C-alpha atoms as a PDB file:
ATOM      1  CA  MET A   1      -2.157  -6.688 -12.369  1.00  0.00           C
ATOM      2  CA  MET A   2      -2.976  -5.115  -9.028  1.00  0.00           C
ATOM      3  CA  ILE A   3      -1.028  -2.452  -7.141  1.00  0.00           C
ATOM      4  CA  ILE A   4      -1.348  -2.429  -3.355  1.00  0.00           C
ATOM      5  CA  ILE A   5       0.408   0.056  -1.078  1.00  0.00           C
ATOM      6  CA  ARG A   6       1.804  -1.955   1.830  1.00  0.00           C
ATOM      7  CA  SER A   7       2.837  -0.791   5.270  1.00  0.00           C
ATOM      8  CA  LYS A   8       6.507  -1.697   5.584  1.00  0.00           C
ATOM      9  CA  LEU A   9       6.412  -0.928   9.290  1.00  0.00           C
ATOM     10  CA  LEU A  10       3.387  -3.031  10.206  1.00  0.00           C
ATOM     11  CA  GLU A  11       4.281  -5.843   7.844  1.00  0.00           C
ATOM     12  CA  SER A  12       7.708  -6.076   9.466  1.00  0.00           C
ATOM     13  CA  PHE A  13       5.776  -8.137  12.030  1.00  0.00           C
ATOM     14  CA  PRO A  14       5.340 -11.628  10.544  1.00  0.00           C
ATOM     15  CA  ASN A  15       1.783 -11.987  11.847  1.00  0.00           C
ATOM     16  CA  ILE A  16       0.485  -8.676  10.420  1.00  0.00           C
ATOM     17  CA  VAL A  17      -0.886  -7.995   6.940  1.00  0.00           C
ATOM     18  CA  CYS A  18      -1.645  -4.367   6.080  1.00  0.00           C
ATOM     19  CA  GLY A  19      -2.325  -2.904   2.670  1.00  0.00           C
ATOM     20  CA  PHE A  20      -4.209  -0.110   0.902  1.00  0.00           C
ATOM     21  CA  SER A  21      -5.775  -0.494  -2.526  1.00  0.00           C
ATOM     22  CA  THR A  22      -5.218   1.752  -5.548  1.00  0.00           C
ATOM     23  CA  LYS A  23      -7.081   2.437  -8.796  1.00  0.00           C
ATOM     24  CA  ILE A  24      -5.129  -0.378 -10.406  1.00  0.00           C
ATOM     25  CA  GLY A  25      -6.700  -3.811 -10.078  1.00  0.00           C
ATOM     26  CA  ARG A  26      -8.139  -6.504 -12.269  1.00  0.00           C
ATOM     27  CA  ASN A  27     -11.126  -4.338 -13.213  1.00  0.00           C
ATOM     28  CA  CYS A  28     -10.113  -0.757 -14.006  1.00  0.00           C
ATOM     29  CA  THR A  29     -13.027   0.587 -16.023  1.00  0.00           C
ATOM     30  CA  ALA A  30     -13.611   4.365 -15.869  1.00  0.00           C
ATOM     31  CA  PRO A  31     -15.017   6.262 -14.058  1.00  0.00           C
ATOM     32  CA  TYR A  32     -14.801   4.025 -10.968  1.00  0.00           C
ATOM     33  CA  TYR A  33     -11.686   2.031 -11.863  1.00  0.00           C
ATOM     34  CA  PHE A  34     -10.766  -0.521  -9.169  1.00  0.00           C
ATOM     35  CA  ASN A  35     -13.478   0.646  -6.811  1.00  0.00           C
ATOM     36  CA  LEU A  36     -14.107  -1.038  -3.462  1.00  0.00           C
ATOM     37  CA  SER A  37     -17.155   0.904  -2.242  1.00  0.00           C
ATOM     38  CA  MET A  38     -20.811  -0.018  -2.642  1.00  0.00           C
ATOM     39  CA  SER A  39     -21.938   3.554  -1.956  1.00  0.00           C
ATOM     40  CA  VAL A  40     -20.740   5.419  -5.060  1.00  0.00           C
ATOM     41  CA  GLY A  41     -23.105   4.065  -7.724  1.00  0.00           C
ATOM     42  CA  ASP A  42     -20.827   1.399  -9.161  1.00  0.00           C
ATOM     43  CA  ASN A  43     -22.139  -2.026 -10.199  1.00  0.00           C
ATOM     44  CA  PRO A  44     -22.529  -4.016  -6.937  1.00  0.00           C
ATOM     45  CA  ASP A  45     -21.418  -7.265  -8.571  1.00  0.00           C
ATOM     46  CA  ILE A  46     -18.218  -5.652  -9.822  1.00  0.00           C
ATOM     47  CA  VAL A  47     -17.535  -4.084  -6.423  1.00  0.00           C
ATOM     48  CA  GLN A  48     -18.041  -7.399  -4.666  1.00  0.00           C
ATOM     49  CA  LYS A  49     -15.639  -9.104  -7.060  1.00  0.00           C
ATOM     50  CA  ASN A  50     -13.116  -6.287  -6.568  1.00  0.00           C
ATOM     51  CA  LYS A  51     -13.281  -6.738  -2.795  1.00  0.00           C
ATOM     52  CA  GLU A  52     -12.784 -10.471  -3.123  1.00  0.00           C
ATOM     53  CA  ASP A  53      -9.843  -9.975  -5.469  1.00  0.00           C
ATOM     54  CA  PHE A  54      -8.229  -7.382  -3.208  1.00  0.00           C
ATOM     55  CA  ALA A  55      -8.541  -9.550  -0.102  1.00  0.00           C
ATOM     56  CA  SER A  56      -7.246 -12.579  -2.000  1.00  0.00           C
ATOM     57  CA  GLU A  57      -4.235 -10.610  -3.266  1.00  0.00           C
ATOM     58  CA  MET A  58      -3.437  -9.797   0.349  1.00  0.00           C
ATOM     59  CA  GLY A  59      -3.636 -13.476   1.241  1.00  0.00           C
ATOM     60  CA  ILE A  60      -6.896 -13.410   3.180  1.00  0.00           C
ATOM     61  CA  SER A  61     -10.543 -14.223   2.529  1.00  0.00           C
ATOM     62  CA  LEU A  62     -13.145 -11.470   2.288  1.00  0.00           C
ATOM     63  CA  ASN A  63     -15.279 -13.659   4.562  1.00  0.00           C
ATOM     64  CA  ASN A  64     -12.783 -12.885   7.329  1.00  0.00           C
ATOM     65  CA  VAL A  65     -12.982  -9.097   6.920  1.00  0.00           C
ATOM     66  CA  ALA A  66     -15.048  -6.742   9.105  1.00  0.00           C
ATOM     67  CA  LEU A  67     -16.747  -3.902   7.216  1.00  0.00           C
ATOM     68  CA  GLN A  68     -18.417  -0.883   8.812  1.00  0.00           C
ATOM     69  CA  LYS A  69     -20.742   1.839   7.535  1.00  0.00           C
ATOM     70  CA  GLN A  70     -18.618   4.949   7.917  1.00  0.00           C
ATOM     71  CA  THR A  71     -20.469   8.082   8.996  1.00  0.00           C
ATOM     72  CA  HIS A  72     -17.668  10.637   9.564  1.00  0.00           C
ATOM     73  CA  GLY A  73     -18.401  10.384  13.279  1.00  0.00           C
ATOM     74  CA  ASP A  74     -16.451   9.268  16.334  1.00  0.00           C
ATOM     75  CA  ILE A  75     -17.971   5.871  17.105  1.00  0.00           C
ATOM     76  CA  VAL A  76     -15.310   3.289  17.975  1.00  0.00           C
ATOM     77  CA  SER A  77     -16.397  -0.374  17.940  1.00  0.00           C
ATOM     78  CA  ILE A  78     -14.683  -3.375  19.483  1.00  0.00           C
ATOM     79  CA  ILE A  79     -15.499  -6.398  17.362  1.00  0.00           C
ATOM     80  CA  ASP A  80     -15.000 -10.150  17.701  1.00  0.00           C
ATOM     81  CA  PHE A  81     -16.415 -11.343  14.374  1.00  0.00           C
ATOM     82  CA  PRO A  82     -15.983 -10.455  10.699  1.00  0.00           C
ATOM     83  CA  GLY A  83     -18.794  -9.271   8.447  1.00  0.00           C
ATOM     84  CA  TYR A  84     -20.892  -6.120   8.597  1.00  0.00           C
ATOM     85  CA  THR A  85     -20.440  -4.369  11.942  1.00  0.00           C
ATOM     86  CA  GLY A  86     -22.889  -1.449  11.672  1.00  0.00           C
ATOM     87  CA  GLU A  87     -22.197   2.279  11.849  1.00  0.00           C
ATOM     88  CA  SER A  88     -18.814   3.418  13.150  1.00  0.00           C
ATOM     89  CA  ASP A  89     -15.585   4.947  11.943  1.00  0.00           C
ATOM     90  CA  ALA A  90     -13.070   2.899  13.905  1.00  0.00           C
ATOM     91  CA  LEU A  91     -12.755  -0.814  14.584  1.00  0.00           C
ATOM     92  CA  ILE A  92     -10.670  -2.589  17.224  1.00  0.00           C
ATOM     93  CA  SER A  93     -10.177  -6.328  17.592  1.00  0.00           C
ATOM     94  CA  SER A  94      -8.196  -8.627  19.836  1.00  0.00           C
ATOM     95  CA  GLN A  95      -9.231 -11.673  17.827  1.00  0.00           C
ATOM     96  CA  PRO A  96      -6.875 -13.264  15.281  1.00  0.00           C
ATOM     97  CA  CYS A  97      -7.848 -13.881  11.670  1.00  0.00           C
ATOM     98  CA  ILE A  98     -10.150 -10.861  11.393  1.00  0.00           C
ATOM     99  CA  GLY A  99      -9.366  -8.119   8.903  1.00  0.00           C
ATOM    100  CA  LEU A 100     -10.438  -4.572   9.727  1.00  0.00           C
ATOM    101  CA  ALA A 101     -11.373  -2.547   6.631  1.00  0.00           C
ATOM    102  CA  ILE A 102     -11.301   1.231   6.199  1.00  0.00           C
ATOM    103  CA  SER A 103     -12.705   2.952   3.104  1.00  0.00           C
ATOM    104  CA  SER A 104     -11.176   6.180   1.817  1.00  0.00           C
ATOM    105  CA  GLY A 105     -11.438   8.623  -1.044  1.00  0.00           C
ATOM    106  CA  ASP A 106      -9.111  11.321   0.434  1.00  0.00           C
ATOM    107  CA  CYS A 107      -9.583  10.825   4.193  1.00  0.00           C
ATOM    108  CA  CYS A 108      -6.931   9.373   6.468  1.00  0.00           C
ATOM    109  CA  ALA A 109      -7.074   5.614   6.876  1.00  0.00           C
ATOM    110  CA  ILE A 110      -5.018   4.806   9.968  1.00  0.00           C
ATOM    111  CA  PHE A 111      -3.966   1.339  11.097  1.00  0.00           C
ATOM    112  CA  LEU A 112      -2.677   0.443  14.557  1.00  0.00           C
ATOM    113  CA  TYR A 113      -0.999  -2.611  16.054  1.00  0.00           C
ATOM    114  CA  ASP A 114      -0.234  -3.275  19.722  1.00  0.00           C
ATOM    115  CA  LYS A 115       2.570  -5.841  19.553  1.00  0.00           C
ATOM    116  CA  GLU A 116       2.276  -6.923  23.200  1.00  0.00           C
ATOM    117  CA  GLN A 117      -1.475  -7.192  23.658  1.00  0.00           C
ATOM    118  CA  GLU A 118      -1.926  -8.359  20.032  1.00  0.00           C
ATOM    119  CA  ILE A 119      -4.592  -5.758  19.289  1.00  0.00           C
ATOM    120  CA  ILE A 120      -5.267  -4.243  15.863  1.00  0.00           C
ATOM    121  CA  ALA A 121      -7.345  -1.218  14.924  1.00  0.00           C
ATOM    122  CA  GLY A 122      -8.450   0.642  11.808  1.00  0.00           C
ATOM    123  CA  VAL A 123      -9.569   4.278  11.885  1.00  0.00           C
ATOM    124  CA  HIS A 124     -11.335   6.433   9.281  1.00  0.00           C
ATOM    125  CA  SER A 125     -10.555  10.100   9.931  1.00  0.00           C
ATOM    126  CA  GLY A 126     -11.585  12.812   7.489  1.00  0.00           C
ATOM    127  CA  TRP A 127     -11.842  16.387   8.672  1.00  0.00           C
ATOM    128  CA  ARG A 128     -14.982  15.670  10.685  1.00  0.00           C
ATOM    129  CA  GLY A 129     -13.494  12.633  12.393  1.00  0.00           C
ATOM    130  CA  THR A 130     -10.259  14.506  12.964  1.00  0.00           C
ATOM    131  CA  GLU A 131     -12.114  17.414  14.542  1.00  0.00           C
ATOM    132  CA  LYS A 132     -13.873  14.885  16.804  1.00  0.00           C
ATOM    133  CA  ARG A 133     -10.474  13.286  17.539  1.00  0.00           C
ATOM    134  CA  ILE A 134     -11.576   9.786  16.643  1.00  0.00           C
ATOM    135  CA  LEU A 135      -7.972   8.561  16.483  1.00  0.00           C
ATOM    136  CA  GLU A 136      -7.299   9.751  20.022  1.00  0.00           C
ATOM    137  CA  LYS A 137     -10.545   8.130  21.186  1.00  0.00           C
ATOM    138  CA  THR A 138      -9.512   4.859  19.550  1.00  0.00           C
ATOM    139  CA  LEU A 139      -6.151   4.907  21.324  1.00  0.00           C
ATOM    140  CA  ILE A 140      -7.817   5.634  24.659  1.00  0.00           C
ATOM    141  CA  LYS A 141     -10.282   2.799  24.096  1.00  0.00           C
ATOM    142  CA  MET A 142      -7.427   0.409  23.349  1.00  0.00           C
ATOM    143  CA  GLN A 143      -5.725   1.559  26.528  1.00  0.00           C
ATOM    144  CA  ASN A 144      -8.818   1.305  28.741  1.00  0.00           C
ATOM    145  CA  SER A 145     -10.142  -1.962  27.311  1.00  0.00           C
ATOM    146  CA  PHE A 146      -6.931  -3.907  26.720  1.00  0.00           C
ATOM    147  CA  GLY A 147      -4.166  -2.212  28.675  1.00  0.00           C
ATOM    148  CA  THR A 148      -2.415  -0.879  25.586  1.00  0.00           C
ATOM    149  CA  ILE A 149       0.551   1.405  26.305  1.00  0.00           C
ATOM    150  CA  PRO A 150       2.021   3.890  23.800  1.00  0.00           C
ATOM    151  CA  ASN A 151       5.455   2.239  23.515  1.00  0.00           C
ATOM    152  CA  ASN A 152       3.834  -0.933  22.172  1.00  0.00           C
ATOM    153  CA  ILE A 153       1.818   0.706  19.385  1.00  0.00           C
ATOM    154  CA  PHE A 154       2.907   0.817  15.751  1.00  0.00           C
ATOM    155  CA  ALA A 155       0.931   2.994  13.337  1.00  0.00           C
ATOM    156  CA  PHE A 156       0.513   3.480   9.600  1.00  0.00           C
ATOM    157  CA  ILE A 157      -1.267   6.437   7.997  1.00  0.00           C
ATOM    158  CA  ALA A 158      -2.200   5.471   4.433  1.00  0.00           C
ATOM    159  CA  PRO A 159      -2.264   7.872   1.463  1.00  0.00           C
ATOM    160  CA  ALA A 160      -4.638  10.812   1.942  1.00  0.00           C
ATOM    161  CA  ILE A 161      -5.097  14.281   0.496  1.00  0.00           C
ATOM    162  CA  SER A 162      -2.149  16.544   1.259  1.00  0.00           C
ATOM    163  CA  GLN A 163      -2.435  19.962   2.834  1.00  0.00           C
ATOM    164  CA  ALA A 164      -1.312  21.599  -0.416  1.00  0.00           C
ATOM    165  CA  ASN A 165      -4.454  20.316  -2.132  1.00  0.00           C
ATOM    166  CA  TYR A 166      -6.999  20.473   0.675  1.00  0.00           C
ATOM    167  CA  GLU A 167      -8.522  23.936   0.459  1.00  0.00           C
ATOM    168  CA  VAL A 168     -11.133  24.655   3.129  1.00  0.00           C
ATOM    169  CA  GLY A 169     -13.435  27.513   4.085  1.00  0.00           C
ATOM    170  CA  PRO A 170     -12.754  30.271   6.619  1.00  0.00           C
ATOM    171  CA  GLU A 171     -14.840  28.471   9.266  1.00  0.00           C
ATOM    172  CA  PHE A 172     -12.076  25.881   9.580  1.00  0.00           C
ATOM    173  CA  ALA A 173      -9.855  28.461  11.227  1.00  0.00           C
ATOM    174  CA  ASP A 174     -12.061  28.083  14.303  1.00  0.00           C
ATOM    175  CA  ARG A 175     -12.278  24.284  14.074  1.00  0.00           C
ATOM    176  CA  PHE A 176      -8.557  23.486  14.006  1.00  0.00           C
ATOM    177  CA  SER A 177      -5.391  24.801  15.543  1.00  0.00           C
ATOM    178  CA  ARG A 178      -3.485  27.292  13.420  1.00  0.00           C
ATOM    179  CA  ASP A 179      -0.654  24.741  13.453  1.00  0.00           C
ATOM    180  CA  TYR A 180      -2.625  22.775  10.859  1.00  0.00           C
ATOM    181  CA  ILE A 181      -3.994  25.640   8.762  1.00  0.00           C
ATOM    182  CA  LEU A 182      -1.870  27.126   5.978  1.00  0.00           C
ATOM    183  CA  GLU A 183      -2.920  30.519   4.639  1.00  0.00           C
ATOM    184  CA  LYS A 184      -1.771  31.182   1.105  1.00  0.00           C
ATOM    185  CA  GLU A 185      -2.957  33.857  -1.307  1.00  0.00           C
ATOM    186  CA  GLY A 186      -6.111  34.401   0.724  1.00  0.00           C
ATOM    187  CA  LYS A 187      -6.976  30.698   0.840  1.00  0.00           C
ATOM    188  CA  LEU A 188      -6.847  28.209   3.711  1.00  0.00           C
ATOM    189  CA  PHE A 189      -5.454  24.673   3.477  1.00  0.00           C
ATOM    190  CA  LEU A 190      -5.941  21.975   6.128  1.00  0.00           C
ATOM    191  CA  ASP A 191      -3.362  19.376   7.168  1.00  0.00           C
ATOM    192  CA  VAL A 192      -5.488  16.380   8.197  1.00  0.00           C
ATOM    193  CA  THR A 193      -2.593  13.919   8.110  1.00  0.00           C
ATOM    194  CA  GLY A 194      -0.439  16.164  10.268  1.00  0.00           C
ATOM    195  CA  THR A 195      -3.214  16.568  12.825  1.00  0.00           C
ATOM    196  CA  ASN A 196      -3.576  12.799  13.153  1.00  0.00           C
ATOM    197  CA  ARG A 197       0.185  12.278  13.229  1.00  0.00           C
ATOM    198  CA  ASP A 198       0.411  14.654  16.170  1.00  0.00           C
ATOM    199  CA  MET A 199      -2.381  12.801  17.985  1.00  0.00           C
ATOM    200  CA  LEU A 200      -0.237   9.683  17.772  1.00  0.00           C
ATOM    201  CA  ARG A 201       2.782  11.595  19.085  1.00  0.00           C
ATOM    202  CA  ALA A 202       0.788  13.268  21.864  1.00  0.00           C
ATOM    203  CA  PHE A 203      -0.395   9.846  23.025  1.00  0.00           C
ATOM    204  CA  GLY A 204       3.253   8.935  23.444  1.00  0.00           C
ATOM    205  CA  ILE A 205       3.920   6.750  20.432  1.00  0.00           C
ATOM    206  CA  PRO A 206       7.580   7.100  19.366  1.00  0.00           C
ATOM    207  CA  ASN A 207       8.235   8.666  15.962  1.00  0.00           C
ATOM    208  CA  SER A 208      10.122   5.532  14.927  1.00  0.00           C
ATOM    209  CA  GLN A 209       6.862   3.577  15.341  1.00  0.00           C
ATOM    210  CA  ILE A 210       4.830   5.831  13.047  1.00  0.00           C
ATOM    211  CA  GLU A 211       4.830   5.341   9.272  1.00  0.00           C
ATOM    212  CA  ILE A 212       3.171   7.954   7.066  1.00  0.00           C
ATOM    213  CA  SER A 213       2.673   7.532   3.334  1.00  0.00           C
ATOM    214  CA  ASP A 214       4.021  10.474   1.378  1.00  0.00           C
ATOM    215  CA  LEU A 215       1.560   9.886  -1.477  1.00  0.00           C
ATOM    216  CA  CYS A 216      -1.191  12.465  -1.981  1.00  0.00           C
ATOM    217  CA  SER A 217      -4.495  10.989  -3.116  1.00  0.00           C
ATOM    218  CA  TYR A 218      -5.347  14.193  -5.018  1.00  0.00           C
ATOM    219  CA  GLU A 219      -2.050  14.429  -6.897  1.00  0.00           C
ATOM    220  CA  MET A 220      -1.641  10.755  -7.815  1.00  0.00           C
ATOM    221  CA  LYS A 221      -4.357  10.800 -10.471  1.00  0.00           C
ATOM    222  CA  ASP A 222      -3.282   7.588 -12.197  1.00  0.00           C
ATOM    223  CA  LEU A 223      -2.828   5.648  -8.961  1.00  0.00           C
ATOM    224  CA  LEU A 224      -5.199   6.803  -6.221  1.00  0.00           C
ATOM    225  CA  HIS A 225      -8.893   7.572  -5.835  1.00  0.00           C
ATOM    226  CA  SER A 226      -9.821  11.129  -4.832  1.00  0.00           C
ATOM    227  CA  TYR A 227     -13.301  12.453  -4.186  1.00  0.00           C
ATOM    228  CA  ARG A 228     -12.006  16.019  -4.017  1.00  0.00           C
ATOM    229  CA  ARG A 229     -10.408  15.680  -7.453  1.00  0.00           C
ATOM    230  CA  ASP A 230     -12.943  13.534  -9.316  1.00  0.00           C
ATOM    231  CA  GLY A 231     -16.265  14.289  -7.614  1.00  0.00           C
ATOM    232  CA  ALA A 232     -19.119  11.983  -6.692  1.00  0.00           C
ATOM    233  CA  VAL A 233     -18.685   9.709  -9.712  1.00  0.00           C
ATOM    234  CA  SER A 234     -15.438   8.176  -8.572  1.00  0.00           C
ATOM    235  CA  GLY A 235     -14.161   5.094  -6.804  1.00  0.00           C
ATOM    236  CA  ARG A 236     -12.945   4.537  -3.274  1.00  0.00           C
ATOM    237  CA  ALA A 237      -9.955   2.701  -1.867  1.00  0.00           C
ATOM    238  CA  LEU A 238      -9.993   0.119   0.889  1.00  0.00           C
ATOM    239  CA  GLY A 239      -7.303  -0.514   3.448  1.00  0.00           C
ATOM    240  CA  ILE A 240      -7.149  -3.669   5.557  1.00  0.00           C
ATOM    241  CA  ILE A 241      -5.162  -4.688   8.615  1.00  0.00           C
ATOM    242  CA  TYR A 242      -5.205  -8.387   9.537  1.00  0.00           C
ATOM    243  CA  ARG A 243      -3.509 -10.405  12.268  1.00  0.00           C
ATOM    244  CA  ARG A 244      -2.620 -14.007  11.601  1.00  0.00           C
ATOM    245  CA  ARG A 245      -3.076 -16.536  14.366  1.00  0.00           C
ATOM    246  CA  ASP A 246       0.602 -17.453  14.469  1.00  0.00           C
ATOM    247  CA  ASN A 247       3.806 -15.521  13.801  1.00  0.00           C
ATOM    248  CA  VAL A 248       4.443 -17.296  10.539  1.00  0.00           C
END
């Protein structure tokens, strides 16, 4: 059995596939469970098989998926071919039949679709990427490179750590607007999802075209990977957005 969290909004378009993996797949051995990252110390052969199984469950081939080395930066890459794409934290493609993959262990994985220009994008935005406004930079790049306009964009923010569980240090009060910092009992908590949601809104994307998962990666211990909860010896999820060639 495999559990995949699907974007109802993006998959309402017949040519779009968009899903986010969980800890539950065909190989669920502790401590990594259904892990889809090569960078956490898991057996590479198992990880490769997990990736193939996940892609297959979504109806695509792993050979048609673009994978990046995420660096918590603000590099946005436009790609025309699947496979390894180098270092970046956001991928954009106008080409059909290419899946864009985003790895996450608490960070926001954000998927975008321009229904008129037929552009897809995947963005990895933890606190560092959010501070650098990588999502905003991705939207601007879509606009400048392809003529994307806000009213044509549909967005999905996959499960990430919730503000209630994301305690941060006092230095974050200077990094982020107070709108996204909750002070409680002398501690500070950061709302990364809310910050990215508001970047989408500020760009002009209608609320009705934004879907946000209400699942917290930290709280859903039996379902979702969380680096903050489980530490370095833990698995990572993978989200993929894919555009079919035809609307079938």
